[in-house]
Protein backbone atom coordinates (compact mmCIF):
# COMPACT_ATOMS: atom_id res chain seq x y z
CA MET A 1 -49.96 -54.98 25.81
CA HIS A 2 -46.52 -55.93 27.50
CA LYS A 3 -44.66 -55.89 24.11
CA ILE A 4 -45.98 -52.15 23.46
CA ILE A 5 -44.82 -51.23 27.23
CA LYS A 6 -41.39 -52.71 26.55
CA ILE A 7 -40.93 -50.90 23.25
CA SER A 8 -41.77 -47.78 25.06
CA LEU A 9 -39.26 -48.21 27.79
CA ILE A 10 -36.46 -48.84 25.31
CA ALA A 11 -37.37 -45.79 23.19
CA LEU A 12 -37.44 -43.75 26.57
CA VAL A 13 -34.03 -45.11 27.38
CA THR A 14 -32.67 -44.33 24.06
CA LEU A 15 -33.78 -40.72 24.12
CA VAL A 16 -32.35 -40.36 27.79
CA MET A 17 -28.93 -41.79 26.32
CA ALA A 18 -28.87 -39.33 23.36
CA THR A 19 -29.78 -36.34 25.54
CA GLU A 20 -26.86 -37.06 27.74
CA ALA A 21 -24.51 -37.59 24.73
CA MET A 22 -25.39 -34.17 23.53
CA ALA A 23 -25.08 -32.60 26.87
CA GLN A 24 -21.54 -33.89 27.16
CA GLU A 25 -20.62 -32.52 23.54
CA THR A 26 -22.38 -29.38 24.25
CA SER A 27 -21.08 -26.70 26.77
CA HIS A 28 -22.79 -23.18 26.99
CA GLY A 29 -24.56 -23.66 23.65
CA VAL A 30 -21.18 -24.39 21.81
CA VAL A 31 -20.55 -27.70 20.18
CA ARG A 32 -17.04 -28.90 20.85
CA ARG A 33 -15.43 -30.98 18.02
CA ARG A 34 -12.74 -32.58 20.06
CA ASN A 35 -11.06 -34.63 17.05
CA ALA A 36 -10.70 -31.04 15.13
CA ASP A 37 -9.18 -29.42 18.15
CA ARG A 38 -6.77 -32.27 18.84
CA ASN A 39 -5.25 -32.08 15.39
CA ALA A 40 -5.17 -28.29 15.25
CA PRO A 41 -1.81 -26.62 15.38
CA LYS A 42 -1.38 -24.79 18.75
CA GLN A 43 0.56 -21.39 18.93
CA GLN A 44 2.81 -20.20 21.98
CA ASP A 45 0.08 -17.90 23.07
CA GLY A 46 -2.56 -20.59 23.22
CA SER A 47 -4.62 -19.57 20.15
CA MET A 48 -5.77 -22.29 17.71
CA VAL A 49 -5.32 -22.38 13.91
CA THR A 50 -7.33 -24.70 12.30
CA GLU A 51 -7.49 -26.13 8.84
CA ARG A 52 -10.51 -24.18 8.22
CA MET A 53 -8.91 -21.06 9.12
CA GLN A 54 -6.01 -21.93 6.80
CA ASN A 55 -8.23 -22.47 3.94
CA PHE A 56 -10.20 -19.45 4.44
CA TYR A 57 -7.05 -17.59 3.94
CA SER A 58 -5.63 -19.37 1.03
CA ASP A 59 -5.31 -18.31 -2.46
CA LYS A 60 -8.08 -20.80 -3.70
CA ASN A 61 -10.75 -19.12 -1.31
CA SER A 62 -10.05 -15.68 -2.90
CA SER A 63 -13.35 -13.95 -3.94
CA VAL A 64 -11.62 -12.30 -6.92
CA SER A 65 -10.81 -14.31 -10.21
CA ASP A 66 -8.58 -13.39 -12.85
CA ALA A 67 -11.73 -12.63 -14.94
CA ASP A 68 -12.69 -9.95 -12.62
CA ARG A 69 -9.39 -8.28 -12.61
CA GLN A 70 -9.22 -5.73 -15.16
CA TRP A 71 -5.85 -4.01 -14.14
CA MET A 72 -3.01 -4.70 -11.97
CA ARG A 73 0.49 -3.45 -11.33
CA VAL A 74 3.05 -5.17 -9.01
CA ILE A 75 5.18 -2.92 -6.73
CA TYR A 76 7.97 -3.86 -4.58
CA ARG A 77 8.47 -1.80 -1.29
CA SER A 78 11.19 -1.51 1.51
CA LEU A 79 10.03 -1.28 4.84
CA ASP A 80 12.51 0.46 7.17
CA LEU A 81 11.90 -0.68 10.76
CA ASP A 82 13.55 2.61 11.96
CA ASN A 83 10.30 4.45 10.69
CA ASP A 84 7.75 4.85 13.51
CA LYS A 85 4.98 3.71 11.31
CA ASN A 86 6.58 0.31 11.01
CA ALA A 87 7.86 -0.08 14.41
CA ALA A 88 5.18 -2.47 15.32
CA LEU A 89 6.82 -4.86 13.23
CA TYR A 90 10.26 -5.02 15.33
CA TYR A 91 8.89 -4.67 19.01
CA PRO A 92 8.95 -6.11 21.25
CA GLU A 93 12.39 -7.59 20.69
CA GLU A 94 11.67 -10.35 23.34
CA PRO A 95 8.30 -12.05 23.71
CA THR A 96 6.37 -10.34 26.48
CA GLU A 97 3.07 -10.77 27.75
CA GLY A 98 1.83 -13.13 24.57
CA GLN A 99 3.47 -10.45 22.25
CA GLU A 100 5.96 -11.41 19.47
CA ASN A 101 7.45 -9.57 16.69
CA LEU A 102 6.93 -10.52 13.14
CA PHE A 103 10.34 -12.31 12.63
CA ARG A 104 10.12 -14.43 15.86
CA ILE A 105 6.75 -15.71 14.44
CA ILE A 106 8.06 -16.37 11.13
CA MET A 107 11.10 -18.31 12.46
CA ARG A 108 8.83 -20.32 14.86
CA LEU A 109 6.54 -21.19 12.08
CA LEU A 110 9.45 -22.31 9.67
CA ALA A 111 11.04 -24.15 12.53
CA ASN A 112 7.74 -26.10 13.28
CA ASN A 113 7.38 -26.78 9.30
CA GLN A 114 4.20 -24.91 9.33
CA ILE A 115 4.77 -22.73 6.50
CA SER A 116 7.25 -22.78 3.51
CA ALA A 117 9.77 -20.44 2.40
CA TYR A 118 11.00 -19.76 -0.97
CA GLU A 119 14.38 -18.89 -2.44
CA TYR A 120 15.10 -15.33 -3.10
CA LEU A 121 15.98 -15.00 -6.67
CA ASP A 122 17.62 -11.79 -7.80
CA GLY A 123 14.65 -9.86 -9.16
CA ARG A 124 12.71 -12.88 -9.86
CA GLU A 125 10.07 -14.18 -7.53
CA ILE A 126 8.75 -17.79 -8.18
CA PHE A 127 6.61 -19.52 -5.42
CA THR A 128 6.51 -23.10 -6.58
CA ASP A 129 7.72 -26.39 -5.01
CA GLN A 130 10.73 -26.28 -7.35
CA TYR A 131 11.88 -23.27 -5.47
CA LYS A 132 11.18 -24.16 -1.83
CA VAL A 133 14.14 -23.84 0.54
CA LYS A 134 15.05 -26.21 3.35
CA VAL A 135 14.86 -24.56 6.78
CA LYS A 136 18.12 -26.21 7.61
CA ASP A 137 19.81 -24.67 4.87
CA VAL A 138 18.51 -21.37 5.86
CA LEU A 139 19.77 -21.75 9.38
CA ASP A 140 23.19 -22.89 8.32
CA ARG A 141 23.34 -20.17 5.74
CA PHE A 142 22.87 -17.30 8.35
CA TYR A 143 24.59 -19.03 11.23
CA ILE A 144 21.59 -19.50 13.46
CA PRO A 145 21.92 -22.33 16.21
CA TYR A 146 19.32 -25.07 16.29
CA THR A 147 18.68 -28.61 17.19
CA ALA A 148 16.40 -31.31 16.00
CA ALA A 149 13.15 -31.15 17.67
CA LYS A 150 11.31 -34.09 19.25
CA GLY A 151 9.19 -36.05 16.69
CA SER A 152 11.22 -34.48 13.88
CA THR A 153 11.49 -36.99 10.73
CA GLU A 154 13.05 -36.61 7.29
CA LYS A 155 9.99 -35.84 5.69
CA ASN A 156 8.57 -33.50 8.52
CA PRO A 157 11.77 -32.00 9.73
CA LYS A 158 11.26 -29.68 12.76
CA TYR A 159 13.95 -27.76 14.77
CA THR A 160 14.21 -26.03 18.06
CA ILE A 161 15.75 -22.54 17.99
CA ASP A 162 16.53 -21.00 21.40
CA PRO A 163 14.64 -17.46 21.76
CA SER A 164 18.17 -15.86 22.54
CA ASP A 165 19.47 -17.06 19.21
CA VAL A 166 16.91 -15.70 17.01
CA PRO A 167 18.58 -12.52 15.11
CA THR A 168 15.80 -10.24 15.69
CA ASN A 169 18.10 -7.26 16.28
CA GLU A 170 19.57 -7.87 12.96
CA VAL A 171 16.57 -7.80 10.79
CA LEU A 172 15.79 -4.22 10.39
CA SER A 173 13.92 -4.04 7.16
CA TYR A 174 11.60 -6.00 4.99
CA TYR A 175 10.94 -6.44 1.39
CA VAL A 176 7.18 -6.24 0.52
CA ILE A 177 5.49 -7.42 -2.82
CA GLU A 178 2.14 -5.40 -3.69
CA ARG A 179 -0.56 -5.95 -6.21
CA TRP A 180 -2.56 -2.82 -6.79
CA GLU A 181 -5.63 -4.54 -8.62
CA PHE A 182 -8.71 -3.26 -10.06
CA ASP A 183 -11.66 -5.63 -9.82
CA THR A 184 -15.03 -5.19 -11.42
CA ARG A 185 -16.50 -7.29 -8.63
CA HIS A 186 -15.95 -4.64 -5.88
CA ASN A 187 -15.26 -1.64 -8.49
CA ARG A 188 -12.33 -0.30 -6.57
CA LEU A 189 -8.72 -0.29 -6.44
CA ARG A 190 -6.95 -2.08 -3.57
CA PRO A 191 -3.34 -3.29 -2.73
CA VAL A 192 -2.95 -6.64 -1.97
CA VAL A 193 0.15 -7.96 -0.09
CA GLU A 194 1.54 -10.97 -1.88
CA ALA A 195 4.85 -11.92 -0.27
CA ILE A 196 7.45 -10.75 2.63
CA CYS A 197 11.12 -11.00 2.71
CA PRO A 198 13.09 -10.39 6.01
CA MET A 199 16.26 -8.45 5.54
CA LEU A 200 19.30 -9.08 7.58
CA HIS A 201 21.52 -6.15 8.28
CA ARG A 202 25.03 -7.50 9.20
CA THR A 203 28.32 -5.83 9.71
CA GLY A 204 31.69 -7.51 8.54
CA ASP A 205 34.58 -8.63 10.89
CA PHE A 206 36.14 -5.28 10.40
CA GLY A 207 33.01 -3.27 10.90
CA GLY A 208 31.90 -0.61 8.51
CA GLU A 209 28.46 -0.26 6.98
CA ALA A 210 26.17 -2.93 7.54
CA LEU A 211 25.31 -5.27 4.45
CA LYS A 212 21.53 -6.24 3.59
CA TYR A 213 21.04 -9.90 2.96
CA PRO A 214 17.55 -10.98 1.80
CA MET A 215 16.76 -14.35 3.63
CA PHE A 216 13.81 -15.81 1.79
CA TRP A 217 10.29 -15.18 0.63
CA ILE A 218 7.04 -16.05 2.40
CA LYS A 219 3.82 -15.92 1.04
CA PHE A 220 1.58 -13.72 2.79
CA ASN A 221 -1.57 -15.81 2.66
CA ASP A 222 0.32 -18.65 4.25
CA LEU A 223 1.08 -16.22 7.15
CA ARG A 224 -2.18 -14.81 7.61
CA PRO A 225 -3.92 -17.24 9.80
CA TYR A 226 -1.16 -16.85 12.45
CA LEU A 227 -0.77 -12.90 11.98
CA ALA A 228 -4.63 -12.69 12.37
CA ALA A 229 -4.23 -14.34 15.90
CA GLN A 230 -1.56 -11.91 16.95
CA THR A 231 -2.56 -8.68 18.25
CA ILE A 232 -0.24 -5.62 18.27
CA PHE A 233 0.34 -2.29 19.40
CA VAL A 234 0.47 0.50 16.94
CA ASP A 235 -0.24 3.87 18.91
CA ASP A 236 1.79 4.99 22.15
CA ASP A 237 -1.35 6.85 23.13
CA ASN A 238 -3.32 3.62 23.47
CA ASN A 239 -1.77 0.78 25.38
CA LEU A 240 -4.26 -1.63 24.17
CA PRO A 241 -3.58 -3.76 21.21
CA THR A 242 -6.40 -2.80 18.87
CA CYS A 243 -5.30 -4.73 15.68
CA THR A 244 -3.44 -7.87 14.42
CA TYR A 245 -0.64 -7.98 12.16
CA ASP A 246 -3.04 -9.06 9.48
CA ASP A 247 -4.88 -5.82 9.78
CA PHE A 248 -1.55 -3.97 9.71
CA PHE A 249 -0.83 -5.24 6.29
CA THR A 250 -4.31 -5.53 4.80
CA LEU A 251 -5.18 -2.06 5.69
CA ASN A 252 -1.65 -0.59 4.54
CA MET A 253 -0.76 0.77 7.96
CA TYR A 254 3.00 0.43 6.91
CA GLU A 255 5.03 2.86 5.19
CA GLY A 256 7.67 2.14 2.63
CA ASP A 257 9.91 3.34 -0.33
CA ILE A 258 9.08 1.84 -3.94
CA TYR A 259 12.36 0.19 -5.04
CA LYS A 260 11.11 -1.80 -8.03
CA THR A 261 8.09 -2.07 -10.39
CA ARG A 262 7.61 -5.20 -12.45
CA ASN A 263 8.90 -4.47 -15.81
CA LEU A 264 9.89 -6.17 -19.18
CA LYS A 265 13.63 -5.84 -18.57
CA ASN A 266 13.61 -6.77 -14.86
CA LYS A 267 15.39 -3.81 -13.48
CA SER A 268 15.04 -2.25 -10.40
CA MET A 269 14.53 1.45 -10.14
CA ALA A 270 18.14 2.21 -9.02
CA GLN A 271 19.35 0.73 -12.04
CA GLN A 272 16.91 2.78 -14.19
CA TYR A 273 17.60 5.95 -12.52
CA ALA A 274 21.17 6.49 -11.52
CA ASP A 275 20.57 10.06 -10.00
CA PRO A 276 18.96 10.28 -6.53
CA ASP A 277 16.76 13.39 -7.37
CA ALA A 278 15.61 11.58 -10.53
CA LEU A 279 14.79 8.58 -8.74
CA LYS A 280 12.85 10.33 -5.80
CA ARG A 281 10.93 12.06 -8.38
CA ALA A 282 10.00 8.60 -10.29
CA GLN A 283 9.02 7.18 -6.98
CA ASP A 284 6.79 10.11 -6.11
CA SER A 285 5.12 9.86 -9.60
CA ILE A 286 4.56 6.12 -9.26
CA GLN A 287 2.75 6.69 -5.73
CA THR A 288 0.88 9.84 -7.06
CA SER A 289 -0.57 7.75 -10.18
CA LEU A 290 -1.60 4.86 -7.73
CA ASP A 291 -3.34 7.26 -5.46
CA ASN A 292 -5.04 9.09 -8.49
CA PHE A 293 -6.00 5.90 -10.52
CA GLU A 294 -9.44 5.34 -9.06
CA LYS A 295 -10.42 8.84 -9.10
CA LYS A 296 -10.04 8.89 -13.01
CA LEU A 297 -12.34 5.88 -13.41
CA TRP A 298 -15.51 7.68 -12.43
CA VAL A 299 -17.74 10.40 -13.75
CA PRO A 300 -17.84 13.16 -11.22
CA SER A 301 -21.10 14.14 -9.56
CA ARG A 302 -23.03 17.41 -9.81
CA GLU A 303 -21.71 18.49 -6.64
CA GLU A 304 -18.21 17.88 -7.79
CA VAL A 305 -18.58 19.50 -11.12
CA ILE A 306 -19.90 22.66 -9.34
CA ALA A 307 -17.07 22.48 -6.67
CA ALA A 308 -14.52 22.14 -9.39
CA ARG A 309 -16.05 25.10 -11.50
CA GLU A 310 -16.18 27.37 -8.38
CA ALA A 311 -12.51 26.42 -7.50
CA ARG A 312 -11.54 27.37 -11.08
CA GLU A 313 -13.60 30.57 -11.11
CA ALA A 314 -11.79 31.43 -7.67
CA ALA A 315 -8.23 30.62 -9.14
CA GLU A 316 -8.90 32.65 -12.12
CA ALA A 317 -10.20 35.61 -10.16
CA ALA A 318 -7.18 35.44 -7.88
CA LYS A 319 -4.96 35.24 -10.96
CA ALA A 320 -6.63 38.23 -12.43
CA ASP A 321 -6.63 40.29 -9.13
CA SER A 322 -2.62 39.58 -8.92
CA THR A 323 -2.31 40.63 -12.37
CA SER A 324 -4.04 44.00 -12.07
CA VAL A 325 -2.22 44.52 -9.02
CA LYS A 326 1.09 43.65 -10.48
CA GLU A 327 0.23 45.96 -13.43
CA ALA A 328 -0.78 48.80 -11.07
CA THR A 329 2.43 48.27 -9.17
CA GLU A 330 4.61 48.46 -12.44
CA LYS A 331 2.77 51.64 -13.51
CA THR A 332 3.34 53.25 -10.18
CA SER A 333 6.79 52.37 -10.14
CA ASN A 334 7.30 53.45 -13.81
CA THR A 335 5.57 56.90 -13.14
CA ARG A 336 7.68 57.53 -10.13
CA ALA A 337 10.78 56.47 -12.32
CA VAL A 338 9.74 59.20 -14.96
CA ARG A 339 9.21 61.84 -12.24
CA ARG A 340 12.44 61.17 -10.79
CA SER A 341 14.23 61.35 -14.13
CA ALA A 342 12.31 64.76 -14.84
CA LYS A 343 13.42 66.11 -11.60
CA ARG A 344 16.84 65.25 -12.21
CA SER A 345 17.12 66.76 -15.62
CA THR A 346 15.59 70.03 -14.30
CA LYS A 347 17.92 70.22 -11.31
CA ASP A 348 20.78 69.66 -13.94
CA LYS A 349 19.81 72.30 -16.09
CA SER A 350 19.41 74.75 -13.26
CA SER A 351 22.70 73.89 -12.01
CA GLY A 352 24.44 74.72 -15.16
CA PRO A 353 27.83 76.65 -15.61
CA LYS A 354 27.36 80.21 -14.19
CA VAL A 355 28.18 83.11 -16.66
CA SER A 356 30.12 85.99 -14.87
CA LYS A 357 28.45 89.40 -15.48
CA PRO A 358 30.82 92.42 -16.22
CA LYS A 359 31.57 94.34 -13.43
CA SER A 360 29.98 97.97 -13.66
CA VAL A 361 32.42 100.63 -13.74
CA LYS A 362 32.23 103.53 -10.93
CA ALA A 363 32.34 106.91 -11.95
CA SER A 364 35.26 108.79 -11.24
CA SER A 365 34.99 111.80 -8.85
CA SER A 366 37.64 113.49 -11.16
CA SER A 367 35.45 113.42 -14.23
CA ASN A 368 35.39 116.65 -16.55
CA ALA A 369 31.71 116.72 -16.45
CA THR A 370 31.74 117.41 -12.61
CA ARG A 371 33.19 120.53 -11.47
CA SER A 372 34.52 121.13 -8.07
CA VAL A 373 32.61 123.82 -5.94
CA ARG A 374 35.80 125.09 -4.72
CA ARG A 375 36.93 126.19 -8.20
CA ARG A 376 34.19 128.65 -8.63
CA ARG A 377 35.95 131.36 -6.74
């Protein structure tokens, strides 16, 4: 009996201790994993980017495989930050109230060795370890001051860059690589951003037009966990940050000109079309074909067929009316012209040279056939 009571007391004490441990680990119904949080990289705004988030946005976790893709076209765009639709990538120039522009986020992540940068090859993009660039070389190449950060090692180099030394005012455009792909899993065409390249605009010592210097390529999926944690303003009428940088790119809220498409000769569009007007027409043609690609894949519904037929009939009727009106106008104008010419010819006939009539000869008062009354005496 005493043994049973002793076992019951031990079980009760064990249950109480387990309950206290669970209570310490649980707060408001959320289990806190302290070890995971301790190792998670922390951003300046306090948001946490865990390894799980990085795996979620990685290429390996993509739901679309190469077997699902049936069509793809690679498009290169140039995003001008002077464009109002792209202003969210530039402002604010200085960090304010937890807001940072895109280039400051990129430079901070590079300095902390949290993402990798790849060399900008002229017209070729190879995102392998062989073409990774060293952050120190990038900072030296573009004359950006830095100091070695605390805890920096040869295998894990880290740098400290003063916020005033980050050349945000010189990064005035970006290059973006898009993959327009149609996959059978979602049955839709969608653009996917593959990589981003900051463009540095710098003038020479003697002034003149600013030259563009491509800095490096960053894989977009490497940036996505950090961009998803940074909210931005996209509308002057709404002062609340309603979306993130990740939304800005995945929803294609930006606007840019096409400067290249992937081709066998690896030529840019400026090299293929020397005339500016021909270049603009080619860019518009490519964009139109991308916008209309998905519409050509599906059989139209009955309502769409009826609407298209009615629109076609209305256009033909309008064309016929305009033709009849034109013919009537031409007929009226021809009739008026004939009448005018007829009147002119009649007038010309009536106003011909006048023939002078011979003057009538007046009878003379001293004619022989007339005798004077006075001579009758």
